[in-house]
Amino acid sequence: MTRPVLVIGAGLAGWTTVREFRKLDSSTPVVVVTADSGDFYAKPSLSNAFAQGRLPAQLVSTPAAKMAESLNVTLMPHTRVEALDMAAKTVRTSAGAVAYRDLVLATGALPIRVPLEGGAAHRVISVNSLEDFARFHAELQPASDAAGNRGRHVLVMGAGLIGCEFANDLAQAGYRVSVVDPGARPLAALLPEAASAALQQALEALGVRFYFGTTVRAVDPAAAQPAGADALAVSLASGEIIEASCVLSAIGLKADTALARAAGLTVDRAIVVNTRLQTSAEGVYALGDSAQYASAASKLSAHGSALPYVMPIMAAAKALAANLAGTPAELVFQLMPVSVKTPSLPLVVAAPQPGTDGQWHMPEAGLWQWLDAAGLQRGFVLAGAQTSQRMVQSKRVAL
């Protein structure tokens, strides 16, 4: 019996790898193991669904059964992977052992959670999956409140990309929103200061309130609230106390490397893979949020960079599929600007390679270019109407 290509994870990375592989090989068995249902959905849609009025079920673009049927895959949903045995080429799961010919780790990332004090700290929500979003959505359904959404106040921990996207989405949907961040400005890791200021102004115009230079210390049930109410008292390190209906933690993700580490694979900030997506073990590959690509050069690590965005996943899946099908392919990343889903101020970001020397220049309003010491453009940020320059600016970047 032919051993299958075994894919762990049914997110964008896992399913896209299978889809690309089936374009090249229609007969080799494929098994997909996933801890969730296996339904296919676009993860970026989680942070812009409220303003569109979309229910959790409406975010599913293709049900798991249809994915499995159309791609000729054996799907093992709601199944936990417990250990990898690379010597025997088997994976131990909650449903029994599964043998493989090649193994693909598409295990994704986990929300970073910081320890919090308080009797309601367990009610802090992170949204990293459709299941998480469904819980968040249920938490925010207004009770018999004449104010509707305006009667619900969401406190967002983190003013990074996901935090700002959720803040924009929730405010646009009519919720009151506060954002707490230890930094001094929104999207500080990606944007020049002037672009951050413009984004902050645009979000504040929607009613978003920012608390910079502080963090959430504790979450407790609010005192003196009506019977049946579920308000929270959020204590900040600055001493302020904010009453909120819900607390959303959006302080970042970390690669899920537990299985890889336990199996002895090389792990840095994520699972280290070479230019053919192979890990330190033959026949074992990784991609997506759990991978650190040698193809994405970095001055900060000899192992390259992690690229937790959609376009890098699509490129990696195509190269990996070719390697799985027996056609050696080197992964080469082109410039892949990221669109930030903040409709109050649309943004396109092509960040310079980590560790690149240089500084931001603003030749015209809404356009920032990262220039190195030689005057070469290594990245850019576009805001508002300037996002139409995406292709023009991309061609100017020296890779």
Protein backbone atom coordinates (compact mmCIF):
# COMPACT_ATOMS: atom_id res chain seq x y z
CA MET A 1 0.00 0.00 0.00
CA THR A 2 1.34 3.43 -0.96
CA ARG A 3 2.09 5.63 2.00
CA PRO A 4 0.41 9.04 1.82
CA VAL A 5 1.60 12.60 1.92
CA LEU A 6 0.46 13.56 5.40
CA VAL A 7 -0.41 17.20 6.11
CA ILE A 8 -0.84 18.39 9.67
CA GLY A 9 -3.03 21.48 9.68
CA ALA A 10 -6.02 22.55 7.58
CA GLY A 11 -5.46 26.28 7.43
CA LEU A 12 -4.47 28.25 4.36
CA ALA A 13 -0.99 26.69 4.29
CA GLY A 14 -2.19 23.10 4.55
CA TRP A 15 -5.07 23.29 2.09
CA THR A 16 -3.14 25.38 -0.44
CA THR A 17 -0.30 22.85 -0.41
CA VAL A 18 -2.78 20.06 -1.10
CA ARG A 19 -4.47 22.03 -3.89
CA GLU A 20 -1.13 22.78 -5.58
CA PHE A 21 0.03 19.18 -5.15
CA ARG A 22 -3.12 17.83 -6.78
CA LYS A 23 -2.40 19.94 -9.86
CA LEU A 24 0.79 17.90 -10.26
CA ASP A 25 -0.14 14.53 -8.80
CA SER A 26 -3.68 13.19 -8.83
CA SER A 27 -2.99 9.67 -7.55
CA THR A 28 -0.72 9.73 -4.49
CA PRO A 29 -2.84 9.40 -1.33
CA VAL A 30 -3.10 12.52 0.80
CA VAL A 31 -4.20 12.62 4.43
CA VAL A 32 -4.99 15.88 6.24
CA VAL A 33 -5.10 15.84 10.03
CA THR A 34 -6.55 18.84 11.81
CA ALA A 35 -7.67 19.69 15.32
CA ASP A 36 -10.62 21.69 13.98
CA SER A 37 -13.38 20.91 11.48
CA GLY A 38 -11.21 21.44 8.41
CA ASP A 39 -13.59 23.98 6.88
CA PHE A 40 -11.78 26.36 4.53
CA TYR A 41 -11.99 30.08 5.27
CA ALA A 42 -9.82 33.13 4.75
CA LYS A 43 -8.21 33.90 8.10
CA PRO A 44 -7.79 37.64 7.26
CA SER A 45 -11.58 37.88 7.10
CA LEU A 46 -11.77 37.40 10.88
CA SER A 47 -10.69 41.00 11.50
CA ASN A 48 -13.14 42.70 9.15
CA ALA A 49 -16.34 40.68 9.56
CA PHE A 50 -18.22 42.81 12.09
CA ALA A 51 -18.52 45.89 9.87
CA GLN A 52 -19.76 43.66 7.04
CA GLY A 53 -22.34 42.07 9.32
CA ARG A 54 -21.05 38.58 8.55
CA LEU A 55 -21.84 35.72 10.92
CA PRO A 56 -19.13 33.14 11.76
CA ALA A 57 -20.74 30.49 9.55
CA GLN A 58 -20.74 32.91 6.62
CA LEU A 59 -16.95 33.14 6.69
CA VAL A 60 -16.59 29.53 5.55
CA SER A 61 -15.94 29.57 1.81
CA THR A 62 -15.77 25.78 1.33
CA PRO A 63 -16.96 23.16 3.85
CA ALA A 64 -14.43 20.51 4.88
CA ALA A 65 -16.30 17.65 3.22
CA LYS A 66 -16.31 19.49 -0.10
CA MET A 67 -12.58 20.24 0.20
CA ALA A 68 -11.82 16.59 0.89
CA GLU A 69 -13.98 15.39 -1.97
CA SER A 70 -12.75 17.82 -4.61
CA LEU A 71 -9.08 17.24 -3.73
CA ASN A 72 -9.37 13.48 -3.19
CA VAL A 73 -8.14 13.71 0.38
CA THR A 74 -8.71 11.61 3.48
CA LEU A 75 -9.59 14.18 6.12
CA MET A 76 -9.21 13.47 9.84
CA PRO A 77 -11.04 16.39 11.53
CA HIS A 78 -11.08 17.08 15.27
CA THR A 79 -7.97 14.94 15.63
CA ARG A 80 -5.01 15.84 17.82
CA VAL A 81 -1.46 15.02 16.77
CA GLU A 82 0.43 13.75 19.81
CA ALA A 83 3.93 12.91 18.52
CA LEU A 84 6.07 12.51 15.40
CA ASP A 85 8.13 9.34 14.89
CA MET A 86 10.41 10.24 12.02
CA ALA A 87 12.43 7.00 12.24
CA ALA A 88 9.30 4.94 11.62
CA LYS A 89 7.70 7.64 9.44
CA THR A 90 4.53 7.63 11.48
CA VAL A 91 2.52 10.20 13.39
CA ARG A 92 0.68 9.33 16.59
CA THR A 93 -2.74 10.96 16.78
CA SER A 94 -5.76 10.82 19.07
CA ALA A 95 -7.34 8.54 16.43
CA GLY A 96 -4.34 6.20 16.15
CA ALA A 97 -1.06 6.05 14.26
CA VAL A 98 -0.80 7.27 10.66
CA ALA A 99 2.12 6.32 8.40
CA TYR A 100 3.46 8.75 5.83
CA ARG A 101 5.71 9.00 2.81
CA ASP A 102 6.27 12.74 3.27
CA LEU A 103 5.14 14.87 6.19
CA VAL A 104 4.05 18.52 5.95
CA LEU A 105 3.87 20.60 9.12
CA ALA A 106 1.38 23.43 8.64
CA THR A 107 0.69 23.85 12.33
CA GLY A 108 0.30 27.62 12.24
CA ALA A 109 0.77 29.96 15.18
CA LEU A 110 -0.59 30.47 18.68
CA PRO A 111 -1.70 33.74 20.28
CA ILE A 112 0.81 35.24 22.67
CA ARG A 113 -0.84 35.49 26.08
CA VAL A 114 0.55 37.50 28.97
CA PRO A 115 -0.31 36.62 32.58
CA LEU A 116 -3.01 38.87 34.00
CA GLU A 117 -4.38 39.28 37.49
CA GLY A 118 -8.04 39.46 38.42
CA GLY A 119 -11.07 37.27 38.82
CA ALA A 120 -12.14 37.65 35.19
CA ALA A 121 -8.76 37.24 33.48
CA HIS A 122 -10.04 33.99 31.97
CA ARG A 123 -12.58 35.99 29.94
CA VAL A 124 -9.89 37.67 27.81
CA ILE A 125 -10.30 36.42 24.23
CA SER A 126 -7.76 35.93 21.45
CA VAL A 127 -9.00 35.45 17.88
CA ASN A 128 -6.79 33.19 15.81
CA SER A 129 -9.32 30.81 14.27
CA LEU A 130 -12.92 30.63 13.13
CA GLU A 131 -13.81 28.91 16.41
CA ASP A 132 -12.23 31.80 18.34
CA PHE A 133 -14.13 34.30 16.22
CA ALA A 134 -17.43 32.52 16.89
CA ARG A 135 -16.81 32.82 20.64
CA PHE A 136 -15.87 36.49 20.29
CA HIS A 137 -18.93 37.14 18.14
CA ALA A 138 -21.20 35.47 20.72
CA GLU A 139 -19.61 37.49 23.52
CA LEU A 140 -20.44 40.74 21.74
CA GLN A 141 -24.06 40.10 20.91
CA PRO A 142 -25.91 42.92 22.69
CA ALA A 143 -28.43 41.98 25.32
CA SER A 144 -31.70 43.90 25.49
CA ASP A 145 -29.85 47.17 25.12
CA ALA A 146 -31.50 50.12 23.45
CA ALA A 147 -28.08 51.44 22.52
CA GLY A 148 -27.39 48.34 20.39
CA ASN A 149 -23.71 47.91 19.57
CA ARG A 150 -22.94 51.33 21.05
CA GLY A 151 -23.81 49.85 24.42
CA ARG A 152 -20.92 47.38 24.09
CA HIS A 153 -17.37 48.47 24.78
CA VAL A 154 -14.43 46.39 23.53
CA LEU A 155 -10.98 46.89 24.98
CA VAL A 156 -8.25 45.72 22.59
CA MET A 157 -4.84 44.79 23.97
CA GLY A 158 -2.28 45.67 21.29
CA ALA A 159 -2.00 48.39 18.65
CA GLY A 160 -0.25 46.23 16.08
CA LEU A 161 -1.64 45.09 12.75
CA ILE A 162 -4.38 42.79 14.07
CA GLY A 163 -5.28 45.11 16.94
CA CYS A 164 -5.72 48.07 14.61
CA GLU A 165 -7.70 46.04 12.09
CA PHE A 166 -10.10 44.84 14.80
CA ALA A 167 -10.35 48.34 16.26
CA ASN A 168 -11.33 49.75 12.85
CA ASP A 169 -13.78 46.91 12.18
CA LEU A 170 -15.50 47.07 15.57
CA ALA A 171 -15.73 50.87 15.59
CA GLN A 172 -17.16 50.85 12.08
CA ALA A 173 -19.73 48.29 13.25
CA GLY A 174 -20.83 50.66 16.01
CA TYR A 175 -18.98 49.34 19.05
CA ARG A 176 -17.09 51.57 21.44
CA VAL A 177 -13.40 50.65 21.25
CA SER A 178 -10.37 51.34 23.42
CA VAL A 179 -6.86 50.19 22.52
CA VAL A 180 -4.08 49.69 25.09
CA ASP A 181 -0.44 49.37 24.03
CA PRO A 182 2.91 49.80 25.80
CA GLY A 183 4.32 51.64 22.76
CA ALA A 184 3.84 55.23 21.76
CA ARG A 185 1.86 54.82 18.53
CA PRO A 186 -0.14 52.35 16.41
CA LEU A 187 1.65 49.89 14.11
CA ALA A 188 4.98 51.18 15.42
CA ALA A 189 6.88 48.13 14.14
CA LEU A 190 5.75 48.66 10.54
CA LEU A 191 5.09 52.34 9.96
CA PRO A 192 7.10 55.56 10.02
CA GLU A 193 6.00 57.94 12.74
CA ALA A 194 4.00 60.23 10.44
CA ALA A 195 2.06 57.28 9.00
CA SER A 196 1.30 56.03 12.52
CA ALA A 197 0.01 59.47 13.43
CA ALA A 198 -2.25 59.51 10.38
CA LEU A 199 -3.64 56.07 11.24
CA GLN A 200 -4.24 57.07 14.85
CA GLN A 201 -6.09 60.21 13.75
CA ALA A 202 -8.25 58.21 11.33
CA LEU A 203 -9.17 55.64 13.98
CA GLU A 204 -9.84 58.30 16.59
CA ALA A 205 -12.23 59.92 14.11
CA LEU A 206 -14.23 56.68 14.31
CA GLY A 207 -14.32 56.97 18.10
CA VAL A 208 -11.41 54.67 18.96
CA ARG A 209 -9.60 55.75 22.13
CA PHE A 210 -5.92 54.91 22.61
CA TYR A 211 -4.03 54.34 25.85
CA PHE A 212 -0.33 54.31 25.02
CA GLY A 213 2.63 53.71 27.31
CA THR A 214 0.78 51.27 29.52
CA THR A 215 -0.49 47.68 29.69
CA VAL A 216 -3.43 45.74 31.07
CA ARG A 217 -2.61 44.55 34.60
CA ALA A 218 -5.86 42.90 35.75
CA VAL A 219 -9.37 42.06 34.58
CA ASP A 220 -12.12 41.76 37.19
CA PRO A 221 -15.92 41.66 37.19
CA ALA A 222 -17.15 45.25 37.38
CA ALA A 223 -18.63 46.22 40.73
CA ALA A 224 -22.15 47.57 41.25
CA GLN A 225 -23.57 46.36 37.95
CA PRO A 226 -27.21 45.39 37.26
CA ALA A 227 -28.24 41.80 37.79
CA GLY A 228 -27.31 39.70 34.79
CA ALA A 229 -24.78 42.22 33.47
CA ASP A 230 -21.32 41.00 32.60
CA ALA A 231 -19.22 44.16 32.52
CA LEU A 232 -15.50 43.98 33.24
CA ALA A 233 -13.24 46.34 35.15
CA VAL A 234 -9.88 46.48 33.36
CA SER A 235 -7.01 47.84 35.46
CA LEU A 236 -4.08 49.37 33.61
CA ALA A 237 -0.51 49.58 34.85
CA SER A 238 -0.91 53.37 34.73
CA GLY A 239 -3.54 53.15 37.46
CA GLU A 240 -6.57 53.82 35.25
CA ILE A 241 -9.57 51.51 35.37
CA ILE A 242 -11.68 51.06 32.23
CA GLU A 243 -15.07 49.38 32.21
CA ALA A 244 -15.56 47.14 29.16
CA SER A 245 -17.93 44.49 27.90
CA CYS A 246 -15.15 42.37 26.44
CA VAL A 247 -11.34 42.27 26.31
CA LEU A 248 -9.62 41.16 23.11
CA SER A 249 -5.93 40.26 23.27
CA ALA A 250 -4.18 41.05 19.98
CA ILE A 251 -0.58 41.31 21.11
CA GLY A 252 0.86 38.96 18.52
CA LEU A 253 1.39 35.33 17.53
CA LYS A 254 4.17 32.81 18.03
CA ALA A 255 4.85 29.82 15.78
CA ASP A 256 3.41 26.53 17.04
CA THR A 257 6.61 24.51 17.24
CA ALA A 258 5.75 22.08 20.05
CA LEU A 259 5.59 18.96 17.85
CA ALA A 260 8.74 19.91 15.96
CA ARG A 261 10.74 20.59 19.12
CA ALA A 262 9.63 17.35 20.76
CA ALA A 263 10.70 15.45 17.63
CA GLY A 264 14.14 17.06 17.63
CA LEU A 265 13.73 19.21 14.52
CA THR A 266 15.78 22.41 14.28
CA VAL A 267 13.72 25.29 15.63
CA ASP A 268 14.70 28.95 15.94
CA ARG A 269 11.85 31.45 16.14
CA ALA A 270 9.88 28.92 14.07
CA ILE A 271 10.56 25.58 12.37
CA VAL A 272 13.68 26.09 10.27
CA VAL A 273 13.34 25.07 6.61
CA ASN A 274 15.71 25.28 3.66
CA THR A 275 14.95 26.74 0.25
CA ARG A 276 13.01 23.58 -0.65
CA LEU A 277 10.89 23.83 2.50
CA GLN A 278 12.56 20.79 4.07
CA THR A 279 13.17 20.78 7.81
CA SER A 280 16.27 19.28 9.41
CA ALA A 281 14.74 15.82 8.83
CA GLU A 282 14.49 14.21 5.42
CA GLY A 283 10.95 13.91 4.13
CA VAL A 284 9.59 16.39 6.67
CA TYR A 285 8.57 19.86 5.46
CA ALA A 286 7.04 22.98 6.97
CA LEU A 287 5.43 26.20 5.76
CA GLY A 288 3.09 28.95 6.86
CA ASP A 289 3.07 30.65 10.23
CA SER A 290 5.04 27.80 11.80
CA ALA A 291 8.00 28.04 9.39
CA GLN A 292 11.17 30.11 9.26
CA TYR A 293 12.33 30.36 5.66
CA ALA A 294 15.94 30.28 4.49
CA SER A 295 14.55 31.90 1.34
CA ALA A 296 13.61 35.00 3.36
CA ALA A 297 17.05 36.38 4.16
CA SER A 298 17.45 38.25 7.42
CA LYS A 299 20.31 40.15 8.97
CA LEU A 300 18.96 39.10 12.37
CA SER A 301 19.17 35.32 11.94
CA ALA A 302 21.17 32.90 9.82
CA HIS A 303 18.00 30.83 9.54
CA GLY A 304 16.07 33.52 7.67
CA SER A 305 12.70 35.01 8.55
CA ALA A 306 9.18 33.99 9.35
CA LEU A 307 6.61 35.53 6.98
CA PRO A 308 3.13 35.27 8.53
CA TYR A 309 1.20 36.68 5.57
CA VAL A 310 -1.00 35.27 2.81
CA MET A 311 1.18 35.83 -0.25
CA PRO A 312 4.29 34.13 1.20
CA ILE A 313 2.14 31.14 2.11
CA MET A 314 0.84 30.88 -1.46
CA ALA A 315 4.37 31.03 -2.88
CA ALA A 316 5.68 28.49 -0.37
CA ALA A 317 2.81 26.08 -1.04
CA LYS A 318 3.46 26.11 -4.77
CA ALA A 319 7.18 25.37 -4.32
CA LEU A 320 6.50 22.68 -1.72
CA ALA A 321 3.95 20.98 -3.95
CA ALA A 322 6.53 20.72 -6.72
CA ASN A 323 9.05 19.15 -4.35
CA LEU A 324 6.47 16.68 -3.05
CA ALA A 325 5.63 15.76 -6.65
CA GLY A 326 9.26 14.94 -7.39
CA THR A 327 10.20 18.12 -9.25
CA PRO A 328 12.89 19.91 -7.21
CA ALA A 329 11.97 23.57 -6.76
CA GLU A 330 13.70 26.36 -4.86
CA LEU A 331 11.46 28.81 -3.07
CA VAL A 332 12.12 32.38 -4.16
CA PHE A 333 10.16 35.19 -2.55
CA GLN A 334 9.31 38.21 -4.65
CA LEU A 335 8.38 41.51 -3.02
CA MET A 336 4.99 40.97 -1.42
CA PRO A 337 3.48 44.15 0.04
CA VAL A 338 0.92 43.71 2.80
CA SER A 339 -2.46 45.42 2.70
CA VAL A 340 -3.59 46.54 6.15
CA LYS A 341 -7.37 46.26 6.53
CA THR A 342 -8.04 49.65 8.11
CA PRO A 343 -10.64 51.26 5.81
CA SER A 344 -10.46 54.51 7.80
CA LEU A 345 -6.94 54.83 6.36
CA PRO A 346 -6.06 52.12 3.80
CA LEU A 347 -2.40 51.13 4.04
CA VAL A 348 0.02 49.08 1.94
CA VAL A 349 3.32 48.15 3.59
CA ALA A 350 6.45 46.65 2.05
CA ALA A 351 8.72 46.51 5.07
CA PRO A 352 12.49 46.52 4.53
CA GLN A 353 14.35 43.30 5.28
CA PRO A 354 14.84 42.96 9.06
CA GLY A 355 18.06 44.64 10.13
CA THR A 356 18.37 46.78 6.98
CA ASP A 357 20.15 50.06 7.67
CA GLY A 358 18.43 53.18 6.44
CA GLN A 359 15.59 55.56 7.23
CA TRP A 360 12.18 56.66 6.06
CA HIS A 361 11.77 59.53 3.59
CA MET A 362 8.47 61.12 2.54
CA PRO A 363 8.74 62.50 -1.03
CA GLU A 364 5.02 63.29 -1.09
CA ALA A 365 1.98 63.07 1.17
CA GLY A 366 0.92 59.48 1.84
CA LEU A 367 4.14 57.96 0.45
CA TRP A 368 7.12 56.87 2.53
CA GLN A 369 10.22 55.17 1.12
CA TRP A 370 12.89 53.33 3.11
CA LEU A 371 16.24 54.35 1.66
CA ASP A 372 19.55 52.75 2.60
CA ALA A 373 22.92 54.52 2.90
CA ALA A 374 23.45 54.20 -0.87
CA GLY A 375 20.08 55.78 -1.61
CA LEU A 376 18.50 52.50 -2.77
CA GLN A 377 14.84 52.00 -1.94
CA ARG A 378 14.38 48.92 0.28
CA GLY A 379 10.74 49.29 1.25
CA PHE A 380 7.74 51.59 1.25
CA VAL A 381 4.48 52.54 2.94
CA LEU A 382 1.45 53.87 1.07
CA ALA A 383 -1.55 55.50 2.74
CA GLY A 384 -4.97 56.52 1.50
CA ALA A 385 -5.17 57.30 -2.22
CA GLN A 386 -1.47 56.53 -2.59
CA THR A 387 -2.22 52.80 -2.25
CA SER A 388 -2.86 52.94 -6.01
CA GLN A 389 0.93 53.23 -6.39
CA ARG A 390 1.47 49.69 -5.13
CA MET A 391 2.84 48.30 -8.39
CA VAL A 392 4.89 51.41 -9.23
CA GLN A 393 6.62 51.45 -5.87
CA SER A 394 7.14 47.68 -5.89
CA LYS A 395 9.16 47.97 -9.09
CA ARG A 396 11.43 50.55 -7.45
CA VAL A 397 12.42 48.38 -4.50
CA ALA A 398 15.91 46.86 -4.68
CA LEU A 399 15.71 43.28 -3.43
